[in-house]
Every structure is written in C-alpha cells, then in structure tokens.
Amino acid sequence: MAKHDDEFLEFASARTPHLFRTAYLMSGDWHQAEDLVQETLGKVYAVWGRKRRIENPDAYAQTVLTRTFISARRKRSSRELPSSRLPEAEFHEADASLRVTLLDGLAALPAKDRAVLVLRFWEDRSVEEVAHIMGASSGAVRTRTNRALARLRGSLGDLLPDLALT
C-alpha cells in the first residue's frame, strides 16, 4: 500500500500545476480552481490502487477535472457566487488588458463552452481527445467549439481590434 501512495504522491506532485492552470482557466476563480484540483486528485486517488485499469493517468485526471468542473457548474445554483475580482498574480504590463478581457470573456460563457475552448486552444488537444474527455461525439465538440468561439467574439465585440494592437 505504501508503494501505491508513493506513486500517487509523485503523480500528484507532477500533475498538480498543470491541472490547476486548466482548472483556473475553466472556472475563472483561484479558489474554485484549487477546490477542483483537490476534488480531482481525491477521485483519482480513490481508483489509484486499480491503476492498471487506467492506461493513461494524465488523461484520466484531465477527464475527471473537466467532468468535475461541469458537474460543479450544474450544482452551483445553491452555492455562493464567486468574486468578480481576479486574484493577485504576477503578470506582464503589456498583455494585462488582453488577459483580463479574455478571462472575462471566458467567464461569460457557459461551462461546457468554456471547457471546450480551454481544452482545444489552451491545452492544445485534438477534437477527438476533447470528445473523449467530455463524453461527446467529435461532431458535437466541433459544433460547440464554433459556437463558443462565436459567443466569445460576440462578447469581446469592439475590443478585439484594440487588443490585437497591444
């Protein structure tokens, strides 16, 4: 049992930063991202002893994270609302307005749209990988991606040309 725990700790230490970045981009909230990662790692640990059934633990953790995020969004109506303030973090002055605008644009999207855009364009995953992670068909992922991009462009509106110049 100690060997499994050591392997899991090594896995969790290596994957936590990546999972956290993805969770933050999906949720737009620092604290919720921490909770999502913690819940994800808890779920992965619960099946870690049966790891031989998990062919790719990284992909499995990513799938659990995405599904946990979407599930949490469905249940959110009875929970407290996240703060509209962005957490304090290091950033470069030149791209600060672009970053804030894009994060605000992502935050305005429904959970599944946000998840698709983060997985496709931030994580640079293929349509098939995203379809597998989200439990959807490739066609559904393509459609959702196109619609989510259109919504994001619509919410950014006139800001896009100004941001492209900075």
Protein backbone atom coordinates (compact mmCIF):
# COMPACT_ATOMS: atom_id res chain seq x y z
CA MET A 1 0.00 0.00 0.00
CA ALA A 2 2.87 2.40 0.74
CA LYS A 3 4.20 1.86 -2.78
CA HIS A 4 0.83 2.94 -4.25
CA ASP A 5 0.80 6.00 -2.01
CA ASP A 6 4.32 6.97 -3.04
CA GLU A 7 3.45 6.55 -6.73
CA PHE A 8 0.33 8.63 -6.29
CA LEU A 9 2.21 11.39 -4.46
CA GLU A 10 4.75 11.50 -7.27
CA PHE A 11 1.96 11.65 -9.86
CA ALA A 12 0.03 14.33 -7.93
CA SER A 13 3.13 16.47 -7.43
CA ALA A 14 3.94 16.34 -11.13
CA ARG A 15 0.38 16.97 -12.41
CA THR A 16 -0.99 19.50 -9.90
CA PRO A 17 0.42 22.65 -11.57
CA HIS A 18 -0.96 21.63 -14.95
CA LEU A 19 -4.35 20.66 -13.51
CA PHE A 20 -4.51 23.91 -11.57
CA ARG A 21 -3.83 26.06 -14.66
CA THR A 22 -6.56 24.24 -16.56
CA ALA A 23 -9.00 24.48 -13.65
CA TYR A 24 -8.32 28.20 -13.26
CA LEU A 25 -8.92 28.87 -16.93
CA MET A 26 -12.16 26.90 -16.82
CA SER A 27 -13.50 28.34 -13.58
CA GLY A 28 -12.02 31.83 -13.62
CA ASP A 29 -11.70 31.67 -9.84
CA TRP A 30 -8.48 30.91 -7.99
CA HIS A 31 -10.16 29.25 -5.00
CA GLN A 32 -12.59 27.24 -7.05
CA ALA A 33 -9.66 26.02 -9.17
CA GLU A 34 -7.91 24.83 -6.01
CA ASP A 35 -11.09 23.02 -4.93
CA LEU A 36 -11.48 21.42 -8.37
CA VAL A 37 -7.90 20.15 -8.36
CA GLN A 38 -8.26 18.81 -4.83
CA GLU A 39 -11.50 17.03 -5.69
CA THR A 40 -9.98 15.67 -8.89
CA LEU A 41 -6.95 14.28 -7.09
CA GLY A 42 -9.23 12.74 -4.47
CA LYS A 43 -11.22 10.96 -7.16
CA VAL A 44 -8.07 9.79 -8.92
CA TYR A 45 -6.63 8.53 -5.63
CA ALA A 46 -9.81 6.53 -5.00
CA VAL A 47 -9.08 4.43 -8.10
CA TRP A 48 -5.28 4.61 -7.91
CA GLY A 49 -4.96 1.13 -6.38
CA ARG A 50 -6.64 -0.17 -9.52
CA LYS A 51 -4.23 1.87 -11.66
CA ARG A 52 -3.62 -1.00 -14.03
CA ARG A 53 -7.12 -0.28 -15.40
CA ILE A 54 -6.10 3.32 -16.10
CA GLU A 55 -3.96 3.25 -19.22
CA ASN A 56 -3.10 6.95 -19.18
CA PRO A 57 -3.32 8.53 -15.69
CA ASP A 58 -2.67 12.05 -17.06
CA ALA A 59 -5.59 11.83 -19.47
CA TYR A 60 -7.76 10.22 -16.80
CA ALA A 61 -7.04 13.09 -14.38
CA GLN A 62 -7.82 15.64 -17.11
CA THR A 63 -11.13 13.91 -17.82
CA VAL A 64 -12.02 13.81 -14.12
CA LEU A 65 -11.15 17.51 -13.79
CA THR A 66 -13.30 18.52 -16.75
CA ARG A 67 -16.28 16.46 -15.65
CA THR A 68 -15.94 17.68 -12.06
CA PHE A 69 -15.94 21.28 -13.31
CA ILE A 70 -19.04 20.77 -15.46
CA SER A 71 -20.82 18.94 -12.65
CA ALA A 72 -19.96 21.69 -10.16
CA ARG A 73 -21.37 24.30 -12.54
CA ARG A 74 -24.67 22.44 -12.68
CA LYS A 75 -24.87 22.36 -8.89
CA ARG A 76 -23.71 25.95 -8.39
CA SER A 77 -27.16 27.48 -8.05
CA SER A 78 -27.25 26.58 -4.36
CA ARG A 79 -23.70 27.72 -3.65
CA GLU A 80 -22.11 31.07 -3.06
CA LEU A 81 -21.18 33.19 -6.05
CA PRO A 82 -17.54 33.68 -6.95
CA SER A 83 -15.95 37.08 -6.54
CA SER A 84 -15.68 39.32 -9.56
CA ARG A 85 -12.12 40.30 -8.60
CA LEU A 86 -9.24 38.49 -10.20
CA PRO A 87 -6.67 37.05 -7.81
CA GLU A 88 -3.40 38.82 -7.42
CA ALA A 89 -0.87 37.18 -9.68
CA GLU A 90 2.27 38.11 -11.49
CA PHE A 91 1.65 39.43 -14.99
CA HIS A 92 3.32 41.46 -17.67
CA GLU A 93 2.01 45.00 -18.13
CA ALA A 94 1.76 44.72 -21.92
CA ASP A 95 -0.68 41.83 -22.02
CA ALA A 96 -2.63 42.57 -18.83
CA SER A 97 -5.64 44.11 -20.56
CA LEU A 98 -5.78 41.30 -23.11
CA ARG A 99 -5.54 38.68 -20.36
CA VAL A 100 -8.27 40.29 -18.25
CA THR A 101 -10.53 40.75 -21.26
CA LEU A 102 -10.09 37.14 -22.36
CA LEU A 103 -10.68 35.83 -18.83
CA ASP A 104 -13.82 37.96 -18.56
CA GLY A 105 -14.95 36.69 -21.96
CA LEU A 106 -14.36 33.08 -20.90
CA ALA A 107 -16.19 33.67 -17.61
CA ALA A 108 -19.25 34.86 -19.52
CA LEU A 109 -19.51 31.56 -21.44
CA PRO A 110 -21.47 28.51 -20.26
CA ALA A 111 -19.36 25.85 -18.53
CA LYS A 112 -19.24 23.39 -21.44
CA ASP A 113 -18.29 26.12 -23.92
CA ARG A 114 -15.52 27.30 -21.63
CA ALA A 115 -14.28 23.75 -21.12
CA VAL A 116 -14.18 23.12 -24.88
CA LEU A 117 -12.22 26.31 -25.58
CA VAL A 118 -9.73 25.72 -22.78
CA LEU A 119 -9.14 22.11 -23.77
CA ARG A 120 -8.91 22.84 -27.51
CA PHE A 121 -6.87 26.03 -27.52
CA TRP A 122 -5.08 26.29 -24.18
CA GLU A 123 -4.37 22.59 -23.70
CA ASP A 124 -3.95 22.17 -27.49
CA ARG A 125 -5.92 18.95 -27.53
CA SER A 126 -7.44 17.39 -30.63
CA VAL A 127 -11.16 17.27 -31.28
CA GLU A 128 -11.12 13.54 -30.60
CA GLU A 129 -9.33 13.96 -27.25
CA VAL A 130 -11.80 16.64 -26.15
CA ALA A 131 -14.70 14.45 -27.27
CA HIS A 132 -13.36 11.58 -25.17
CA ILE A 133 -12.76 13.81 -22.13
CA MET A 134 -16.21 15.38 -22.30
CA GLY A 135 -18.05 12.20 -23.25
CA ALA A 136 -19.35 13.67 -26.50
CA SER A 137 -19.02 12.98 -30.21
CA SER A 138 -16.37 14.68 -32.33
CA GLY A 139 -19.09 16.47 -34.27
CA ALA A 140 -20.60 17.82 -31.06
CA VAL A 141 -17.18 19.13 -30.00
CA ARG A 142 -16.66 20.84 -33.37
CA THR A 143 -20.10 22.43 -33.20
CA ARG A 144 -19.65 23.54 -29.59
CA THR A 145 -16.19 24.95 -30.42
CA ASN A 146 -17.54 27.02 -33.31
CA ARG A 147 -20.47 28.31 -31.27
CA ALA A 148 -18.29 29.06 -28.24
CA LEU A 149 -15.81 30.99 -30.38
CA ALA A 150 -18.67 32.95 -31.92
CA ARG A 151 -20.02 33.77 -28.45
CA LEU A 152 -16.55 34.79 -27.25
CA ARG A 153 -16.06 37.01 -30.29
CA GLY A 154 -19.52 38.47 -29.71
CA SER A 155 -18.82 39.24 -26.06
CA LEU A 156 -15.45 40.82 -26.88
CA GLY A 157 -17.04 42.81 -29.70
CA ASP A 158 -15.25 46.06 -30.43
CA LEU A 159 -12.42 45.25 -28.02
CA LEU A 160 -10.74 42.78 -30.36
CA PRO A 161 -9.11 45.28 -32.76
CA ASP A 162 -7.76 47.38 -29.86
CA LEU A 163 -6.38 44.36 -28.05
CA ALA A 164 -4.73 42.98 -31.16
CA LEU A 165 -2.65 46.12 -31.47
CA THR A 166 -1.13 45.90 -27.97
